[in-house]
């Protein structure tokens, strides 16, 4: 099983490229195995050293996720698997509209999210963009 990368591992700073070929079933399996084993709220592929623009949230595999709209700022206390034992006060948006592709890149999905779900998806997309929560801190706790 793949292991979680821990900050300051520089792989976490890489921007995941747009996925242009279908996601292989072995990548899906690796991501789901780690997601389930660590009981995560979400997971980005680059957190386990995979060079794919893919996240898992609520057992949903999201390929090339894009936030189309966001509104209603809120401050939330977040932690991160790649920054164990730390929590940070972060500003996120309470409401987002997100689009993504299926693993075979054939179906586009979209949904409105709010509250914790919106924060989790924003957090994981930040990972795909090489951004960690310690770079977005309003204050530490």
C-alpha atoms as a PDB file:
ATOM      1  CA  UNK A   1       0.000   0.000   0.000  1.00  0.00           C
ATOM      2  CA  UNK A   2       1.157   3.535  -0.769  1.00  0.00           C
ATOM      3  CA  UNK A   3       2.193   5.670   2.179  1.00  0.00           C
ATOM      4  CA  UNK A   4       1.170   9.213   2.898  1.00  0.00           C
ATOM      5  CA  UNK A   5       3.746  11.854   2.127  1.00  0.00           C
ATOM      6  CA  UNK A   6       4.496  14.127   5.053  1.00  0.00           C
ATOM      7  CA  UNK A   7       5.515  17.787   4.827  1.00  0.00           C
ATOM      8  CA  UNK A   8       8.226  18.949   3.995  1.00  0.00           C
ATOM      9  CA  UNK A   9       8.304  16.299   1.228  1.00  0.00           C
ATOM     10  CA  UNK A  10       8.621  18.436  -1.898  1.00  0.00           C
ATOM     11  CA  UNK A  11       6.364  16.172  -3.960  1.00  0.00           C
ATOM     12  CA  UNK A  12       3.478  17.809  -2.079  1.00  0.00           C
ATOM     13  CA  UNK A  13       4.397  21.124  -3.735  1.00  0.00           C
ATOM     14  CA  UNK A  14       4.042  19.772  -7.279  1.00  0.00           C
ATOM     15  CA  UNK A  15       1.064  20.899  -9.299  1.00  0.00           C
ATOM     16  CA  UNK A  16      -0.778  17.850 -10.597  1.00  0.00           C
ATOM     17  CA  UNK A  17      -1.140  17.972 -14.387  1.00  0.00           C
ATOM     18  CA  UNK A  18      -4.538  17.788 -16.049  1.00  0.00           C
ATOM     19  CA  UNK A  19      -5.484  14.151 -16.513  1.00  0.00           C
ATOM     20  CA  UNK A  20      -5.674  13.435 -20.253  1.00  0.00           C
ATOM     21  CA  UNK A  21      -5.875   9.633 -20.197  1.00  0.00           C
ATOM     22  CA  UNK A  22      -8.265   7.425 -18.216  1.00  0.00           C
ATOM     23  CA  UNK A  23      -7.267   6.566 -14.662  1.00  0.00           C
ATOM     24  CA  UNK A  24      -5.909   3.025 -14.416  1.00  0.00           C
ATOM     25  CA  UNK A  25      -7.742   0.740 -11.997  1.00  0.00           C
ATOM     26  CA  UNK A  26      -4.529   0.252  -9.973  1.00  0.00           C
ATOM     27  CA  UNK A  27      -4.417   3.997  -9.224  1.00  0.00           C
ATOM     28  CA  UNK A  28      -8.043   3.923  -8.118  1.00  0.00           C
ATOM     29  CA  UNK A  29      -7.367   0.916  -5.896  1.00  0.00           C
ATOM     30  CA  UNK A  30      -4.284   2.528  -4.300  1.00  0.00           C
ATOM     31  CA  UNK A  31      -6.143   5.745  -3.566  1.00  0.00           C
ATOM     32  CA  UNK A  32      -9.166   3.953  -2.113  1.00  0.00           C
ATOM     33  CA  UNK A  33      -6.968   1.686   0.014  1.00  0.00           C
ATOM     34  CA  UNK A  34      -5.169   4.644   1.586  1.00  0.00           C
ATOM     35  CA  UNK A  35      -8.385   6.672   1.919  1.00  0.00           C
ATOM     36  CA  UNK A  36     -10.038   3.840   3.830  1.00  0.00           C
ATOM     37  CA  UNK A  37      -7.003   2.858   5.900  1.00  0.00           C
ATOM     38  CA  UNK A  38      -6.431   6.361   7.299  1.00  0.00           C
ATOM     39  CA  UNK A  39     -10.168   7.138   7.593  1.00  0.00           C
ATOM     40  CA  UNK A  40      -9.669  10.380   5.702  1.00  0.00           C
ATOM     41  CA  UNK A  41     -12.280  13.011   4.906  1.00  0.00           C
ATOM     42  CA  UNK A  42     -10.544  13.397   1.551  1.00  0.00           C
ATOM     43  CA  UNK A  43      -7.345  12.480  -0.260  1.00  0.00           C
ATOM     44  CA  UNK A  44      -5.421  13.900  -3.207  1.00  0.00           C
ATOM     45  CA  UNK A  45      -3.326  11.632  -5.428  1.00  0.00           C
ATOM     46  CA  UNK A  46      -0.161  13.657  -4.849  1.00  0.00           C
ATOM     47  CA  UNK A  47      -0.445  13.028  -1.093  1.00  0.00           C
ATOM     48  CA  UNK A  48       0.573   9.447  -1.825  1.00  0.00           C
ATOM     49  CA  UNK A  49       3.080  10.268  -4.552  1.00  0.00           C
ATOM     50  CA  UNK A  50       0.834   9.698  -7.562  1.00  0.00           C
ATOM     51  CA  UNK A  51       1.123  12.198 -10.446  1.00  0.00           C
ATOM     52  CA  UNK A  52      -2.596  12.394 -11.210  1.00  0.00           C
ATOM     53  CA  UNK A  53      -5.141  15.201 -10.900  1.00  0.00           C
ATOM     54  CA  UNK A  54      -7.494  13.083  -8.818  1.00  0.00           C
ATOM     55  CA  UNK A  55      -9.095  13.388  -5.398  1.00  0.00           C
ATOM     56  CA  UNK A  56     -11.362  11.201  -3.323  1.00  0.00           C
ATOM     57  CA  UNK A  57     -14.159  12.723  -1.277  1.00  0.00           C
ATOM     58  CA  UNK A  58     -17.092  10.833   0.239  1.00  0.00           C
ATOM     59  CA  UNK A  59     -15.878   7.740  -1.660  1.00  0.00           C
ATOM     60  CA  UNK A  60     -16.305   9.713  -4.919  1.00  0.00           C
ATOM     61  CA  UNK A  61     -13.291   9.686  -7.228  1.00  0.00           C
ATOM     62  CA  UNK A  62     -13.059  13.126  -8.844  1.00  0.00           C
ATOM     63  CA  UNK A  63     -10.803  13.515 -11.895  1.00  0.00           C
ATOM     64  CA  UNK A  64      -9.745  17.037 -12.937  1.00  0.00           C
ATOM     65  CA  UNK A  65     -12.012  18.705 -10.363  1.00  0.00           C
ATOM     66  CA  UNK A  66     -12.685  22.407 -10.961  1.00  0.00           C
ATOM     67  CA  UNK A  67     -14.520  24.821  -8.726  1.00  0.00           C
ATOM     68  CA  UNK A  68     -16.749  26.895 -11.013  1.00  0.00           C
ATOM     69  CA  UNK A  69     -18.278  29.215  -8.428  1.00  0.00           C
ATOM     70  CA  UNK A  70     -17.764  29.938  -4.757  1.00  0.00           C
ATOM     71  CA  UNK A  71     -19.362  32.269  -2.246  1.00  0.00           C
ATOM     72  CA  UNK A  72     -19.920  33.021   1.415  1.00  0.00           C
ATOM     73  CA  UNK A  73     -16.497  33.053   3.096  1.00  0.00           C
ATOM     74  CA  UNK A  74     -16.085  31.235   6.377  1.00  0.00           C
ATOM     75  CA  UNK A  75     -13.235  30.435   8.703  1.00  0.00           C
ATOM     76  CA  UNK A  76     -12.679  26.803   9.593  1.00  0.00           C
ATOM     77  CA  UNK A  77     -10.191  24.908  11.701  1.00  0.00           C
ATOM     78  CA  UNK A  78      -8.515  22.314   9.484  1.00  0.00           C
ATOM     79  CA  UNK A  79      -6.003  19.568   9.831  1.00  0.00           C
ATOM     80  CA  UNK A  80      -4.179  17.652   7.128  1.00  0.00           C
ATOM     81  CA  UNK A  81      -2.865  14.113   6.832  1.00  0.00           C
ATOM     82  CA  UNK A  82       0.367  15.529   5.392  1.00  0.00           C
ATOM     83  CA  UNK A  83       0.824  17.850   8.400  1.00  0.00           C
ATOM     84  CA  UNK A  84       0.095  15.430  11.269  1.00  0.00           C
ATOM     85  CA  UNK A  85      -0.785  16.764  14.696  1.00  0.00           C
ATOM     86  CA  UNK A  86      -1.349  20.334  13.537  1.00  0.00           C
ATOM     87  CA  UNK A  87      -4.473  22.440  13.064  1.00  0.00           C
ATOM     88  CA  UNK A  88      -4.807  25.733  11.239  1.00  0.00           C
ATOM     89  CA  UNK A  89      -7.499  28.376  11.002  1.00  0.00           C
ATOM     90  CA  UNK A  90      -8.212  28.732   7.268  1.00  0.00           C
ATOM     91  CA  UNK A  91     -10.551  30.906   5.227  1.00  0.00           C
ATOM     92  CA  UNK A  92     -12.634  28.872   2.788  1.00  0.00           C
ATOM     93  CA  UNK A  93     -15.849  29.418   0.915  1.00  0.00           C
ATOM     94  CA  UNK A  94     -18.998  27.949   2.436  1.00  0.00           C
ATOM     95  CA  UNK A  95     -20.697  27.292  -0.919  1.00  0.00           C
ATOM     96  CA  UNK A  96     -19.087  25.987  -4.095  1.00  0.00           C
ATOM     97  CA  UNK A  97     -20.144  24.520  -7.417  1.00  0.00           C
ATOM     98  CA  UNK A  98     -17.658  21.849  -8.514  1.00  0.00           C
ATOM     99  CA  UNK A  99     -17.306  19.869 -11.761  1.00  0.00           C
ATOM    100  CA  UNK A 100     -15.226  16.757 -12.393  1.00  0.00           C
ATOM    101  CA  UNK A 101     -14.791  13.836 -14.758  1.00  0.00           C
ATOM    102  CA  UNK A 102     -15.313  10.132 -14.255  1.00  0.00           C
ATOM    103  CA  UNK A 103     -12.165   7.948 -14.103  1.00  0.00           C
ATOM    104  CA  UNK A 104     -12.635   7.004 -17.777  1.00  0.00           C
ATOM    105  CA  UNK A 105     -12.921  10.747 -18.664  1.00  0.00           C
ATOM    106  CA  UNK A 106     -16.241  10.059 -20.423  1.00  0.00           C
ATOM    107  CA  UNK A 107     -18.777  11.546 -18.001  1.00  0.00           C
ATOM    108  CA  UNK A 108     -18.784  15.029 -16.495  1.00  0.00           C
ATOM    109  CA  UNK A 109     -20.415  15.484 -13.127  1.00  0.00           C
ATOM    110  CA  UNK A 110     -21.212  18.619 -11.203  1.00  0.00           C
ATOM    111  CA  UNK A 111     -22.756  19.468  -7.870  1.00  0.00           C
ATOM    112  CA  UNK A 112     -23.266  22.221  -5.343  1.00  0.00           C
ATOM    113  CA  UNK A 113     -21.556  21.690  -1.992  1.00  0.00           C
ATOM    114  CA  UNK A 114     -21.715  23.622   1.239  1.00  0.00           C
ATOM    115  CA  UNK A 115     -20.249  23.583   4.723  1.00  0.00           C
ATOM    116  CA  UNK A 116     -17.790  20.826   5.580  1.00  0.00           C
ATOM    117  CA  UNK A 117     -18.148  19.094   2.199  1.00  0.00           C
ATOM    118  CA  UNK A 118     -17.240  22.327   0.384  1.00  0.00           C
ATOM    119  CA  UNK A 119     -14.225  22.828   2.673  1.00  0.00           C
ATOM    120  CA  UNK A 120     -12.968  19.267   2.133  1.00  0.00           C
ATOM    121  CA  UNK A 121     -13.134  19.510  -1.664  1.00  0.00           C
ATOM    122  CA  UNK A 122     -11.392  22.922  -1.616  1.00  0.00           C
ATOM    123  CA  UNK A 123      -8.679  21.455   0.642  1.00  0.00           C
ATOM    124  CA  UNK A 124      -8.065  18.518  -1.713  1.00  0.00           C
ATOM    125  CA  UNK A 125      -8.024  20.722  -4.822  1.00  0.00           C
ATOM    126  CA  UNK A 126      -5.458  22.912  -3.054  1.00  0.00           C
ATOM    127  CA  UNK A 127      -3.294  19.778  -2.745  1.00  0.00           C
ATOM    128  CA  UNK A 128      -3.558  19.229  -6.512  1.00  0.00           C
ATOM    129  CA  UNK A 129      -2.342  22.809  -6.951  1.00  0.00           C
ATOM    130  CA  UNK A 130       0.640  22.239  -4.657  1.00  0.00           C
ATOM    131  CA  UNK A 131      -0.836  24.314  -1.820  1.00  0.00           C
ATOM    132  CA  UNK A 132      -0.812  23.135   1.780  1.00  0.00           C
ATOM    133  CA  UNK A 133      -2.928  24.572   4.575  1.00  0.00           C
ATOM    134  CA  UNK A 134       0.124  25.876   6.414  1.00  0.00           C
ATOM    135  CA  UNK A 135       0.405  28.419   3.559  1.00  0.00           C
ATOM    136  CA  UNK A 136      -3.176  29.664   4.059  1.00  0.00           C
ATOM    137  CA  UNK A 137      -3.079  30.197   7.813  1.00  0.00           C
ATOM    138  CA  UNK A 138      -5.108  32.929   9.454  1.00  0.00           C
ATOM    139  CA  UNK A 139      -3.695  31.818  12.822  1.00  0.00           C
ATOM    140  CA  UNK A 140      -2.445  28.597  14.420  1.00  0.00           C
ATOM    141  CA  UNK A 141      -4.092  26.853  17.324  1.00  0.00           C
END
